[in-house]
Amino acid sequence: MRKPCTRRPRVEGAREDEILEATLQLLLEVGYDRLTMDAVARRSKASKATLYRRWESKPSLVVDAMVRAKQAPTVEQHDTGTLRGDLVSTFCGDHGLGSGSATGLLGSVVTALASDPEFAKLWREAIVAPKAAVSRGIYARAIERGEIRPDIDIDIIAPALAGILLHRSFVLGLVPDDAAVERVIDHVILPAVGHPATDEPVPRQAQQPAQNPTRDPAQKPTPAQSSTPQKARTS
């Protein structure tokens, strides 16, 4: 006689947090490629069966740990009323692009983005997509406020800030900080969209090409406007 099926207990609460924290520790220590479910089980003092009850694979465990990590960049909507204010408020601070711990997490998985399609897909859906939506919203609001032209290519400009900072970090070895984030905003992003490096919004009329006013033909030109030279007075 078959035994009745019993529902396996969920991994949640403090136990789940312990497993995710163990995953992050190993991720920073050995990187994604060398991280194993066995190692996570040993570090968290859990069985592999316990892990697989909650996460179906290593990619799903790692992505979940990164999404919920204290070190992970937390990109939230910051509507300050200006483009520069939104960029600084969103991408600076403890969870911004200038956070060294956030860069360390990305560095631990960067090779997996090319070698592990399942991880890359989950990572882009759970981590990249929400951040990209917030970034696009920043420029969309700037267009609505009249700060930048409506023909700005948001698909190109929105990821440019992160792209420059990641290049500086992984290619040049220059760990970004908030000062570097603001330098890129002021010297690259704002000039690229035709916006001054200031929190003051640009009036809509300032975005339109200057129009030469039409002079009334009946109006006599002023001496400065007249191109006819004055005859010298004779005594």
Protein backbone atom coordinates (compact mmCIF):
# COMPACT_ATOMS: atom_id res chain seq x y z
CA MET A 1 0.00 0.00 0.00
CA ARG A 2 1.37 3.39 -1.02
CA LYS A 3 2.16 5.83 1.71
CA PRO A 4 0.31 9.11 1.49
CA CYS A 5 2.34 11.98 0.04
CA THR A 6 3.60 14.40 2.61
CA ARG A 7 4.15 18.05 1.81
CA ARG A 8 7.79 19.03 2.10
CA PRO A 9 8.39 21.93 4.48
CA ARG A 10 9.23 25.32 2.94
CA VAL A 11 12.54 27.01 3.49
CA GLU A 12 11.69 30.48 4.69
CA GLY A 13 12.30 33.12 7.31
CA ALA A 14 15.60 33.15 9.18
CA ARG A 15 16.67 29.79 7.69
CA GLU A 16 16.25 31.12 4.18
CA ASP A 17 18.23 34.25 5.07
CA GLU A 18 21.08 32.12 6.42
CA ILE A 19 21.29 30.14 3.19
CA LEU A 20 21.24 33.27 1.05
CA GLU A 21 23.93 34.90 3.18
CA ALA A 22 26.10 31.78 2.89
CA THR A 23 25.63 31.93 -0.89
CA LEU A 24 26.77 35.55 -1.00
CA GLN A 25 29.82 34.84 1.13
CA LEU A 26 30.92 32.04 -1.16
CA LEU A 27 30.12 34.09 -4.24
CA LEU A 28 32.47 36.86 -3.11
CA GLU A 29 35.13 34.36 -1.97
CA VAL A 30 35.30 31.99 -4.94
CA GLY A 31 33.10 33.48 -7.68
CA TYR A 32 30.13 32.00 -9.48
CA ASP A 33 32.05 29.42 -11.51
CA ARG A 34 33.53 27.68 -8.46
CA LEU A 35 30.47 28.00 -6.25
CA THR A 36 28.59 24.72 -5.75
CA MET A 37 25.36 23.72 -4.06
CA ASP A 38 27.42 21.34 -1.88
CA ALA A 39 29.55 24.25 -0.66
CA VAL A 40 26.48 26.36 0.12
CA ALA A 41 24.93 23.45 2.02
CA ARG A 42 28.08 23.02 4.11
CA ARG A 43 28.46 26.76 4.79
CA SER A 44 24.82 27.15 5.82
CA LYS A 45 24.71 23.79 7.68
CA ALA A 46 21.83 22.62 5.51
CA SER A 47 21.35 19.60 3.30
CA LYS A 48 21.35 19.76 -0.50
CA ALA A 49 17.78 18.45 -0.37
CA THR A 50 16.85 21.49 1.69
CA LEU A 51 18.34 23.79 -0.93
CA TYR A 52 16.60 22.07 -3.79
CA ARG A 53 13.26 22.28 -2.00
CA ARG A 54 13.50 26.05 -2.33
CA TRP A 55 15.74 26.65 -5.36
CA GLU A 56 15.67 24.43 -8.40
CA SER A 57 19.20 25.24 -9.53
CA LYS A 58 22.41 27.07 -8.71
CA PRO A 59 21.49 30.01 -11.01
CA SER A 60 18.15 30.54 -9.28
CA LEU A 61 19.82 30.41 -5.83
CA VAL A 62 22.55 32.89 -6.78
CA VAL A 63 20.17 35.33 -8.46
CA ASP A 64 17.83 35.23 -5.47
CA ALA A 65 20.76 35.87 -3.14
CA MET A 66 21.95 38.82 -5.25
CA VAL A 67 18.50 40.38 -5.49
CA ARG A 68 18.05 40.27 -1.73
CA ALA A 69 21.64 41.06 -0.76
CA LYS A 70 22.33 43.98 1.54
CA GLN A 71 25.30 44.85 -0.68
CA ALA A 72 23.25 44.89 -3.88
CA PRO A 73 22.49 48.24 -5.54
CA THR A 74 18.90 49.16 -4.73
CA VAL A 75 17.57 51.26 -7.57
CA GLU A 76 14.32 52.95 -6.64
CA GLN A 77 12.29 55.78 -8.12
CA HIS A 78 13.62 59.18 -7.01
CA ASP A 79 11.60 62.04 -8.48
CA THR A 80 13.48 65.13 -7.29
CA GLY A 81 12.12 67.45 -9.96
CA THR A 82 15.31 67.66 -12.03
CA LEU A 83 17.26 65.28 -14.24
CA ARG A 84 20.54 65.75 -12.38
CA GLY A 85 18.83 65.42 -9.02
CA ASP A 86 17.18 62.15 -10.09
CA LEU A 87 20.47 60.71 -11.38
CA VAL A 88 22.46 61.63 -8.27
CA SER A 89 19.76 60.50 -5.86
CA THR A 90 19.30 57.18 -7.67
CA PHE A 91 22.88 56.20 -8.43
CA CYS A 92 24.81 57.62 -5.46
CA GLY A 93 24.76 56.49 -1.84
CA ASP A 94 25.24 53.20 -0.01
CA HIS A 95 23.42 51.17 -2.65
CA GLY A 96 24.44 53.15 -5.72
CA LEU A 97 26.88 52.56 -8.55
CA GLY A 98 29.69 53.95 -6.42
CA SER A 99 29.35 51.19 -3.86
CA GLY A 100 32.45 49.01 -3.85
CA SER A 101 30.56 46.01 -2.46
CA ALA A 102 28.04 46.21 -5.29
CA THR A 103 30.87 46.18 -7.83
CA GLY A 104 32.37 43.17 -6.08
CA LEU A 105 29.14 41.21 -6.46
CA LEU A 106 28.98 41.96 -10.16
CA GLY A 107 32.61 41.00 -10.60
CA SER A 108 31.95 37.61 -9.05
CA VAL A 109 29.40 36.69 -11.72
CA VAL A 110 30.59 38.56 -14.80
CA THR A 111 32.09 35.47 -16.48
CA ALA A 112 28.88 33.52 -15.91
CA LEU A 113 26.95 36.01 -18.03
CA ALA A 114 28.77 34.64 -21.05
CA SER A 115 29.14 30.98 -20.02
CA ASP A 116 25.84 30.15 -18.26
CA PRO A 117 22.75 31.00 -20.35
CA GLU A 118 20.31 30.07 -17.58
CA PHE A 119 22.01 32.34 -15.09
CA ALA A 120 22.31 35.17 -17.63
CA LYS A 121 18.60 34.99 -18.42
CA LEU A 122 17.53 34.99 -14.77
CA TRP A 123 20.01 37.75 -13.89
CA ARG A 124 18.80 40.04 -16.67
CA GLU A 125 15.15 39.47 -15.78
CA ALA A 126 15.46 39.84 -12.00
CA ILE A 127 18.28 42.37 -11.64
CA VAL A 128 18.90 44.27 -14.87
CA ALA A 129 15.33 44.78 -16.10
CA PRO A 130 14.01 46.56 -12.96
CA LYS A 131 17.04 48.86 -12.85
CA ALA A 132 16.73 49.61 -16.56
CA ALA A 133 13.07 50.54 -16.09
CA VAL A 134 13.94 53.00 -13.33
CA SER A 135 16.73 54.53 -15.43
CA ARG A 136 14.45 54.94 -18.46
CA GLY A 137 11.85 56.57 -16.22
CA ILE A 138 14.37 59.22 -15.16
CA TYR A 139 14.88 60.38 -18.75
CA ALA A 140 11.20 60.06 -19.60
CA ARG A 141 10.34 62.44 -16.74
CA ALA A 142 13.04 64.85 -17.90
CA ILE A 143 11.43 64.89 -21.35
CA GLU A 144 8.00 65.51 -19.83
CA ARG A 145 9.38 68.41 -17.77
CA GLY A 146 10.96 69.90 -20.87
CA GLU A 147 14.51 69.55 -19.55
CA ILE A 148 15.76 67.59 -22.55
CA ARG A 149 14.65 67.18 -26.14
CA PRO A 150 11.99 64.55 -26.87
CA ASP A 151 14.17 62.96 -29.58
CA ILE A 152 16.85 61.82 -27.11
CA ASP A 153 17.68 58.14 -27.73
CA ILE A 154 16.86 56.77 -24.27
CA ASP A 155 17.90 53.24 -25.24
CA ILE A 156 21.45 54.52 -25.72
CA ILE A 157 21.73 57.18 -23.02
CA ALA A 158 20.00 55.33 -20.14
CA PRO A 159 22.65 52.57 -19.73
CA ALA A 160 25.59 54.89 -20.47
CA LEU A 161 26.24 55.89 -16.85
CA ALA A 162 26.55 52.32 -15.61
CA GLY A 163 28.53 51.33 -18.70
CA ILE A 164 31.18 54.00 -18.16
CA LEU A 165 31.55 53.21 -14.46
CA LEU A 166 31.81 49.46 -15.06
CA HIS A 167 34.45 50.05 -17.74
CA ARG A 168 36.45 52.15 -15.29
CA SER A 169 36.14 49.41 -12.68
CA PHE A 170 36.72 46.19 -14.63
CA VAL A 171 38.94 47.44 -17.46
CA LEU A 172 40.87 50.32 -15.89
CA GLY A 173 40.87 49.03 -12.31
CA LEU A 174 39.43 52.29 -10.93
CA VAL A 175 36.92 51.45 -8.21
CA PRO A 176 34.04 53.94 -8.58
CA ASP A 177 32.75 56.13 -5.78
CA ASP A 178 30.03 58.77 -5.54
CA ALA A 179 32.41 61.48 -6.73
CA ALA A 180 33.13 59.49 -9.89
CA VAL A 181 29.41 58.94 -10.46
CA GLU A 182 28.78 62.69 -10.27
CA ARG A 183 31.71 63.42 -12.60
CA VAL A 184 30.27 61.12 -15.25
CA ILE A 185 26.83 62.67 -14.80
CA ASP A 186 28.16 66.24 -15.12
CA HIS A 187 30.80 65.73 -17.81
CA VAL A 188 29.22 63.04 -19.99
CA ILE A 189 25.52 62.37 -19.41
CA LEU A 190 24.17 65.90 -19.02
CA PRO A 191 26.18 67.36 -21.93
CA ALA A 192 25.11 64.40 -24.09
CA VAL A 193 21.44 65.30 -23.62
CA GLY A 194 22.05 69.04 -23.93
CA HIS A 195 21.49 69.77 -20.26
CA PRO A 196 23.71 72.00 -18.07
CA ALA A 197 25.44 70.49 -15.05
CA THR A 198 22.99 72.03 -12.63
CA ASP A 199 19.84 71.06 -10.78
CA GLU A 200 17.94 73.91 -12.40
CA PRO A 201 15.48 72.70 -15.07
CA VAL A 202 15.89 74.03 -18.57
CA PRO A 203 12.90 76.15 -19.71
CA ARG A 204 11.13 74.76 -22.76
CA GLN A 205 11.68 77.94 -24.74
CA ALA A 206 15.42 77.61 -24.19
CA GLN A 207 15.34 74.37 -26.20
CA GLN A 208 13.92 76.08 -29.31
CA PRO A 209 16.24 77.71 -31.84
CA ALA A 210 16.32 81.46 -31.48
CA GLN A 211 14.03 83.26 -33.90
CA ASN A 212 15.07 86.59 -35.44
CA PRO A 213 12.22 89.03 -34.79
CA THR A 214 10.79 90.67 -37.89
CA ARG A 215 11.36 94.41 -37.85
CA ASP A 216 8.56 96.74 -38.81
CA PRO A 217 9.63 98.28 -42.15
CA ALA A 218 8.17 101.59 -41.03
CA GLN A 219 10.36 101.65 -37.97
CA LYS A 220 13.49 103.73 -38.33
CA PRO A 221 16.69 101.82 -37.59
CA THR A 222 18.75 102.79 -34.63
CA PRO A 223 22.31 103.98 -35.25
CA ALA A 224 23.57 100.53 -34.18
CA GLN A 225 21.24 98.80 -36.68
CA SER A 226 21.92 101.12 -39.62
CA SER A 227 24.57 99.92 -42.05
CA THR A 228 24.73 103.26 -43.90
CA PRO A 229 27.74 105.26 -42.77
CA GLN A 230 27.02 108.75 -41.45
CA LYS A 231 28.46 111.62 -43.46
CA ALA A 232 31.02 113.64 -41.63
CA ARG A 233 29.74 117.00 -40.47
CA THR A 234 31.41 119.99 -42.09
CA SER A 235 31.89 123.20 -40.33
